[in-house]
Every structure is written in C-alpha cells, then in structure tokens.
Amino acid sequence: MPPIAKNKPKQVVLHTAARREPAQDSISELYVRFLKRKLAEEHLTGMQASAVLDGILDALQHL
C-alpha cells in the first residue's frame, strides 16, 4: 500500500441534531474553538471568514 493511501479517511460520520450524544457536543465545541482560532490567526475580513465557513459547510454537505 502506498504511504499516502494509509492516511486517507475510510469513513466519515456526519452528526445531526437527531442523533446526538454528550461526547458529540464536546467534539463540536472543540471544532468551533479550532475554527475561530484559525480564522482569527488569518486576519480575514468578515466576508472572507464567511466565505471560508460557507466552503466548509458546503464540503461537509457533499460528503
């Protein structure tokens, strides 16, 4: 197996409001804090940050 193939995700789980567990809430909060920090580090305008978040949400919907 090529080295890159072993790092490819084999399954992606998208959590929805209908199926939430306590651990999922803390994971979601972790991702929100991570995204806020990364966006702040990039010094983006509001419109640029919004475009980045729209792109992330669009990518998640197409998984």
PDB file of N, CA and C in Angstrom:
ATOM      1  N   MET A   1       0.847  -1.171   0.000  1.00  0.00           N
ATOM      2  CA  MET A   1       0.000   0.000   0.000  1.00  0.00           C
ATOM      3  C   MET A   1       0.897   1.239   0.000  1.00  0.00           C
ATOM      4  N   PRO A   2       0.641   2.198  -0.885  1.00  0.00           N
ATOM      5  CA  PRO A   2       1.443   3.423  -0.900  1.00  0.00           C
ATOM      6  C   PRO A   2       1.280   4.184   0.414  1.00  0.00           C
ATOM      7  N   PRO A   3       2.301   4.919   0.856  1.00  0.00           N
ATOM      8  CA  PRO A   3       2.228   5.607   2.150  1.00  0.00           C
ATOM      9  C   PRO A   3       1.075   6.598   2.250  1.00  0.00           C
ATOM     10  N   ILE A   4       0.701   7.242   1.163  1.00  0.00           N
ATOM     11  CA  ILE A   4      -0.377   8.230   1.238  1.00  0.00           C
ATOM     12  C   ILE A   4      -1.724   7.549   1.438  1.00  0.00           C
ATOM     13  N   ALA A   5      -1.918   6.393   0.870  1.00  0.00           N
ATOM     14  CA  ALA A   5      -3.199   5.698   0.968  1.00  0.00           C
ATOM     15  C   ALA A   5      -3.563   5.367   2.404  1.00  0.00           C
ATOM     16  N   LYS A   6      -2.590   5.097   3.239  1.00  0.00           N
ATOM     17  CA  LYS A   6      -2.916   4.728   4.617  1.00  0.00           C
ATOM     18  C   LYS A   6      -3.463   5.904   5.418  1.00  0.00           C
ATOM     19  N   ASN A   7      -3.245   7.138   4.970  1.00  0.00           N
ATOM     20  CA  ASN A   7      -3.725   8.306   5.686  1.00  0.00           C
ATOM     21  C   ASN A   7      -5.060   8.827   5.182  1.00  0.00           C
ATOM     22  N   LYS A   8      -5.630   8.183   4.187  1.00  0.00           N
ATOM     23  CA  LYS A   8      -6.915   8.621   3.648  1.00  0.00           C
ATOM     24  C   LYS A   8      -8.042   8.116   4.544  1.00  0.00           C
ATOM     25  N   PRO A   9      -9.013   8.978   4.849  1.00  0.00           N
ATOM     26  CA  PRO A   9     -10.128   8.511   5.682  1.00  0.00           C
ATOM     27  C   PRO A   9     -10.947   7.473   4.930  1.00  0.00           C
ATOM     28  N   LYS A  10     -11.378   6.468   5.636  1.00  0.00           N
ATOM     29  CA  LYS A  10     -12.167   5.418   5.025  1.00  0.00           C
ATOM     30  C   LYS A  10     -13.652   5.605   5.319  1.00  0.00           C
ATOM     31  N   GLN A  11     -13.958   6.351   6.367  1.00  0.00           N
ATOM     32  CA  GLN A  11     -15.349   6.585   6.732  1.00  0.00           C
ATOM     33  C   GLN A  11     -15.449   7.958   7.371  1.00  0.00           C
ATOM     34  N   VAL A  12     -16.478   8.689   7.006  1.00  0.00           N
ATOM     35  CA  VAL A  12     -16.742   9.992   7.592  1.00  0.00           C
ATOM     36  C   VAL A  12     -18.125   9.941   8.205  1.00  0.00           C
ATOM     37  N   VAL A  13     -18.245  10.383   9.455  1.00  0.00           N
ATOM     38  CA  VAL A  13     -19.527  10.389  10.134  1.00  0.00           C
ATOM     39  C   VAL A  13     -19.963  11.833  10.305  1.00  0.00           C
ATOM     40  N   LEU A  14     -21.138  12.153   9.803  1.00  0.00           N
ATOM     41  CA  LEU A  14     -21.689  13.492   9.948  1.00  0.00           C
ATOM     42  C   LEU A  14     -22.797  13.417  10.982  1.00  0.00           C
ATOM     43  N   HIS A  15     -22.632  14.112  12.100  1.00  0.00           N
ATOM     44  CA  HIS A  15     -23.603  14.069  13.185  1.00  0.00           C
ATOM     45  C   HIS A  15     -24.696  15.104  12.938  1.00  0.00           C
ATOM     46  N   THR A  16     -25.919  14.698  13.158  1.00  0.00           N
ATOM     47  CA  THR A  16     -27.045  15.611  13.009  1.00  0.00           C
ATOM     48  C   THR A  16     -27.743  15.770  14.352  1.00  0.00           C
ATOM     49  N   ALA A  17     -28.629  16.742  14.437  1.00  0.00           N
ATOM     50  CA  ALA A  17     -29.332  17.010  15.688  1.00  0.00           C
ATOM     51  C   ALA A  17     -30.193  15.820  16.128  1.00  0.00           C
ATOM     52  N   ALA A  18     -30.625  14.995  15.187  1.00  0.00           N
ATOM     53  CA  ALA A  18     -31.473  13.858  15.525  1.00  0.00           C
ATOM     54  C   ALA A  18     -30.704  12.769  16.284  1.00  0.00           C
ATOM     55  N   ARG A  19     -29.391  12.737  16.154  1.00  0.00           N
ATOM     56  CA  ARG A  19     -28.581  11.682  16.779  1.00  0.00           C
ATOM     57  C   ARG A  19     -27.379  12.299  17.476  1.00  0.00           C
ATOM     58  N   ARG A  20     -27.613  12.836  18.657  1.00  0.00           N
ATOM     59  CA  ARG A  20     -26.520  13.489  19.377  1.00  0.00           C
ATOM     60  C   ARG A  20     -26.272  12.783  20.704  1.00  0.00           C
ATOM     61  N   GLU A  21     -25.021  12.707  21.060  1.00  0.00           N
ATOM     62  CA  GLU A  21     -24.621  12.139  22.334  1.00  0.00           C
ATOM     63  C   GLU A  21     -23.780  13.184  23.051  1.00  0.00           C
ATOM     64  N   PRO A  22     -23.628  13.085  24.372  1.00  0.00           N
ATOM     65  CA  PRO A  22     -22.849  14.095  25.112  1.00  0.00           C
ATOM     66  C   PRO A  22     -21.433  14.308  24.561  1.00  0.00           C
ATOM     67  N   ALA A  23     -20.758  13.259  24.156  1.00  0.00           N
ATOM     68  CA  ALA A  23     -19.396  13.404  23.631  1.00  0.00           C
ATOM     69  C   ALA A  23     -19.398  14.208  22.339  1.00  0.00           C
ATOM     70  N   GLN A  24     -20.443  14.076  21.559  1.00  0.00           N
ATOM     71  CA  GLN A  24     -20.531  14.804  20.293  1.00  0.00           C
ATOM     72  C   GLN A  24     -20.596  16.305  20.533  1.00  0.00           C
ATOM     73  N   ASP A  25     -21.256  16.727  21.615  1.00  0.00           N
ATOM     74  CA  ASP A  25     -21.321  18.151  21.929  1.00  0.00           C
ATOM     75  C   ASP A  25     -19.939  18.712  22.209  1.00  0.00           C
ATOM     76  N   SER A  26     -19.130  17.986  22.977  1.00  0.00           N
ATOM     77  CA  SER A  26     -17.793  18.477  23.295  1.00  0.00           C
ATOM     78  C   SER A  26     -16.899  18.459  22.060  1.00  0.00           C
ATOM     79  N   ILE A  27     -17.093  17.484  21.171  1.00  0.00           N
ATOM     80  CA  ILE A  27     -16.318  17.450  19.929  1.00  0.00           C
ATOM     81  C   ILE A  27     -16.701  18.638  19.057  1.00  0.00           C
ATOM     82  N   SER A  28     -17.999  18.924  18.971  1.00  0.00           N
ATOM     83  CA  SER A  28     -18.464  20.065  18.185  1.00  0.00           C
ATOM     84  C   SER A  28     -17.882  21.367  18.735  1.00  0.00           C
ATOM     85  N   GLU A  29     -17.873  21.511  20.044  1.00  0.00           N
ATOM     86  CA  GLU A  29     -17.300  22.711  20.669  1.00  0.00           C
ATOM     87  C   GLU A  29     -15.809  22.823  20.357  1.00  0.00           C
ATOM     88  N   LEU A  30     -15.116  21.699  20.345  1.00  0.00           N
ATOM     89  CA  LEU A  30     -13.692  21.690  20.019  1.00  0.00           C
ATOM     90  C   LEU A  30     -13.473  22.214  18.605  1.00  0.00           C
ATOM     91  N   TYR A  31     -14.275  21.729  17.648  1.00  0.00           N
ATOM     92  CA  TYR A  31     -14.140  22.184  16.267  1.00  0.00           C
ATOM     93  C   TYR A  31     -14.460  23.670  16.133  1.00  0.00           C
ATOM     94  N   VAL A  32     -15.469  24.144  16.857  1.00  0.00           N
ATOM     95  CA  VAL A  32     -15.829  25.561  16.801  1.00  0.00           C
ATOM     96  C   VAL A  32     -14.677  26.416  17.325  1.00  0.00           C
ATOM     97  N   ARG A  33     -14.099  26.020  18.454  1.00  0.00           N
ATOM     98  CA  ARG A  33     -12.955  26.774  19.005  1.00  0.00           C
ATOM     99  C   ARG A  33     -11.782  26.755  18.042  1.00  0.00           C
ATOM    100  N   PHE A  34     -11.526  25.601  17.425  1.00  0.00           N
ATOM    101  CA  PHE A  34     -10.432  25.483  16.465  1.00  0.00           C
ATOM    102  C   PHE A  34     -10.669  26.419  15.277  1.00  0.00           C
ATOM    103  N   LEU A  35     -11.868  26.384  14.715  1.00  0.00           N
ATOM    104  CA  LEU A  35     -12.171  27.237  13.563  1.00  0.00           C
ATOM    105  C   LEU A  35     -12.074  28.721  13.919  1.00  0.00           C
ATOM    106  N   LYS A  36     -12.586  29.103  15.073  1.00  0.00           N
ATOM    107  CA  LYS A  36     -12.499  30.507  15.496  1.00  0.00           C
ATOM    108  C   LYS A  36     -11.041  30.947  15.607  1.00  0.00           C
ATOM    109  N   ARG A  37     -10.214  30.096  16.217  1.00  0.00           N
ATOM    110  CA  ARG A  37      -8.805  30.440  16.389  1.00  0.00           C
ATOM    111  C   ARG A  37      -8.097  30.559  15.039  1.00  0.00           C
ATOM    112  N   LYS A  38      -8.336  29.598  14.147  1.00  0.00           N
ATOM    113  CA  LYS A  38      -7.685  29.639  12.834  1.00  0.00           C
ATOM    114  C   LYS A  38      -8.137  30.848  12.023  1.00  0.00           C
ATOM    115  N   LEU A  39      -9.411  31.183  12.071  1.00  0.00           N
ATOM    116  CA  LEU A  39      -9.902  32.347  11.339  1.00  0.00           C
ATOM    117  C   LEU A  39      -9.305  33.638  11.910  1.00  0.00           C
ATOM    118  N   ALA A  40      -9.181  33.707  13.239  1.00  0.00           N
ATOM    119  CA  ALA A  40      -8.594  34.898  13.865  1.00  0.00           C
ATOM    120  C   ALA A  40      -7.123  35.039  13.494  1.00  0.00           C
ATOM    121  N   GLU A  41      -6.411  33.922  13.410  1.00  0.00           N
ATOM    122  CA  GLU A  41      -4.989  33.956  13.048  1.00  0.00           C
ATOM    123  C   GLU A  41      -4.772  34.450  11.627  1.00  0.00           C
ATOM    124  N   GLU A  42      -5.735  34.219  10.758  1.00  0.00           N
ATOM    125  CA  GLU A  42      -5.604  34.605   9.356  1.00  0.00           C
ATOM    126  C   GLU A  42      -5.928  36.076   9.118  1.00  0.00           C
ATOM    127  N   HIS A  43      -6.502  36.753  10.102  1.00  0.00           N
ATOM    128  CA  HIS A  43      -6.857  38.176   9.999  1.00  0.00           C
ATOM    129  C   HIS A  43      -7.728  38.431   8.769  1.00  0.00           C
ATOM    130  N   LEU A  44      -8.778  37.623   8.618  1.00  0.00           N
ATOM    131  CA  LEU A  44      -9.681  37.752   7.483  1.00  0.00           C
ATOM    132  C   LEU A  44     -10.749  38.804   7.769  1.00  0.00           C
ATOM    133  N   THR A  45     -11.275  39.385   6.706  1.00  0.00           N
ATOM    134  CA  THR A  45     -12.421  40.276   6.875  1.00  0.00           C
ATOM    135  C   THR A  45     -13.636  39.405   7.173  1.00  0.00           C
ATOM    136  N   GLY A  46     -14.713  40.026   7.581  1.00  0.00           N
ATOM    137  CA  GLY A  46     -15.936  39.280   7.859  1.00  0.00           C
ATOM    138  C   GLY A  46     -16.431  38.519   6.646  1.00  0.00           C
ATOM    139  N   MET A  47     -16.355  39.153   5.485  1.00  0.00           N
ATOM    140  CA  MET A  47     -16.816  38.499   4.263  1.00  0.00           C
ATOM    141  C   MET A  47     -15.915  37.323   3.898  1.00  0.00           C
ATOM    142  N   GLN A  48     -14.610  37.459   4.095  1.00  0.00           N
ATOM    143  CA  GLN A  48     -13.682  36.366   3.792  1.00  0.00           C
ATOM    144  C   GLN A  48     -13.910  35.190   4.734  1.00  0.00           C
ATOM    145  N   ALA A  49     -14.087  35.481   6.029  1.00  0.00           N
ATOM    146  CA  ALA A  49     -14.334  34.424   7.008  1.00  0.00           C
ATOM    147  C   ALA A  49     -15.649  33.718   6.689  1.00  0.00           C
ATOM    148  N   SER A  50     -16.646  34.488   6.305  1.00  0.00           N
ATOM    149  CA  SER A  50     -17.932  33.911   5.940  1.00  0.00           C
ATOM    150  C   SER A  50     -17.790  32.995   4.723  1.00  0.00           C
ATOM    151  N   ALA A  51     -16.995  33.414   3.752  1.00  0.00           N
ATOM    152  CA  ALA A  51     -16.777  32.594   2.558  1.00  0.00           C
ATOM    153  C   ALA A  51     -16.065  31.287   2.917  1.00  0.00           C
ATOM    154  N   VAL A  52     -15.103  31.354   3.837  1.00  0.00           N
ATOM    155  CA  VAL A  52     -14.395  30.142   4.278  1.00  0.00           C
ATOM    156  C   VAL A  52     -15.369  29.189   4.959  1.00  0.00           C
ATOM    157  N   LEU A  53     -16.193  29.714   5.866  1.00  0.00           N
ATOM    158  CA  LEU A  53     -17.161  28.873   6.574  1.00  0.00           C
ATOM    159  C   LEU A  53     -18.201  28.296   5.616  1.00  0.00           C
ATOM    160  N   ASP A  54     -18.634  29.087   4.646  1.00  0.00           N
ATOM    161  CA  ASP A  54     -19.576  28.579   3.641  1.00  0.00           C
ATOM    162  C   ASP A  54     -18.949  27.420   2.871  1.00  0.00           C
ATOM    163  N   GLY A  55     -17.679  27.547   2.534  1.00  0.00           N
ATOM    164  CA  GLY A  55     -16.981  26.479   1.825  1.00  0.00           C
ATOM    165  C   GLY A  55     -16.880  25.217   2.654  1.00  0.00           C
ATOM    166  N   ILE A  56     -16.611  25.369   3.955  1.00  0.00           N
ATOM    167  CA  ILE A  56     -16.526  24.211   4.845  1.00  0.00           C
ATOM    168  C   ILE A  56     -17.872  23.515   4.941  1.00  0.00           C
ATOM    169  N   LEU A  57     -18.928  24.305   5.147  1.00  0.00           N
ATOM    170  CA  LEU A  57     -20.266  23.720   5.248  1.00  0.00           C
ATOM    171  C   LEU A  57     -20.681  23.039   3.949  1.00  0.00           C
ATOM    172  N   ASP A  58     -20.354  23.651   2.836  1.00  0.00           N
ATOM    173  CA  ASP A  58     -20.677  23.054   1.547  1.00  0.00           C
ATOM    174  C   ASP A  58     -19.943  21.727   1.365  1.00  0.00           C
ATOM    175  N   ALA A  59     -18.678  21.691   1.760  1.00  0.00           N
ATOM    176  CA  ALA A  59     -17.909  20.456   1.643  1.00  0.00           C
ATOM    177  C   ALA A  59     -18.469  19.367   2.540  1.00  0.00           C
ATOM    178  N   LEU A  60     -18.916  19.723   3.733  1.00  0.00           N
ATOM    179  CA  LEU A  60     -19.482  18.727   4.650  1.00  0.00           C
ATOM    180  C   LEU A  60     -20.794  18.169   4.120  1.00  0.00           C
ATOM    181  N   GLN A  61     -21.574  19.004   3.453  1.00  0.00           N
ATOM    182  CA  GLN A  61     -22.861  18.535   2.918  1.00  0.00           C
ATOM    183  C   GLN A  61     -22.665  17.560   1.776  1.00  0.00           C
ATOM    184  N   HIS A  62     -21.520  17.619   1.109  1.00  0.00           N
ATOM    185  CA  HIS A  62     -21.277  16.748  -0.046  1.00  0.00           C
ATOM    186  C   HIS A  62     -20.454  15.510   0.299  1.00  0.00           C
ATOM    187  N   LEU A  63     -20.315  15.222   1.574  1.00  0.00           N
ATOM    188  CA  LEU A  63     -19.569  14.013   1.976  1.00  0.00           C
ATOM    189  C   LEU A  63     -20.402  12.789   1.761  1.00  0.00           C
TER     190      LEU A  63
END
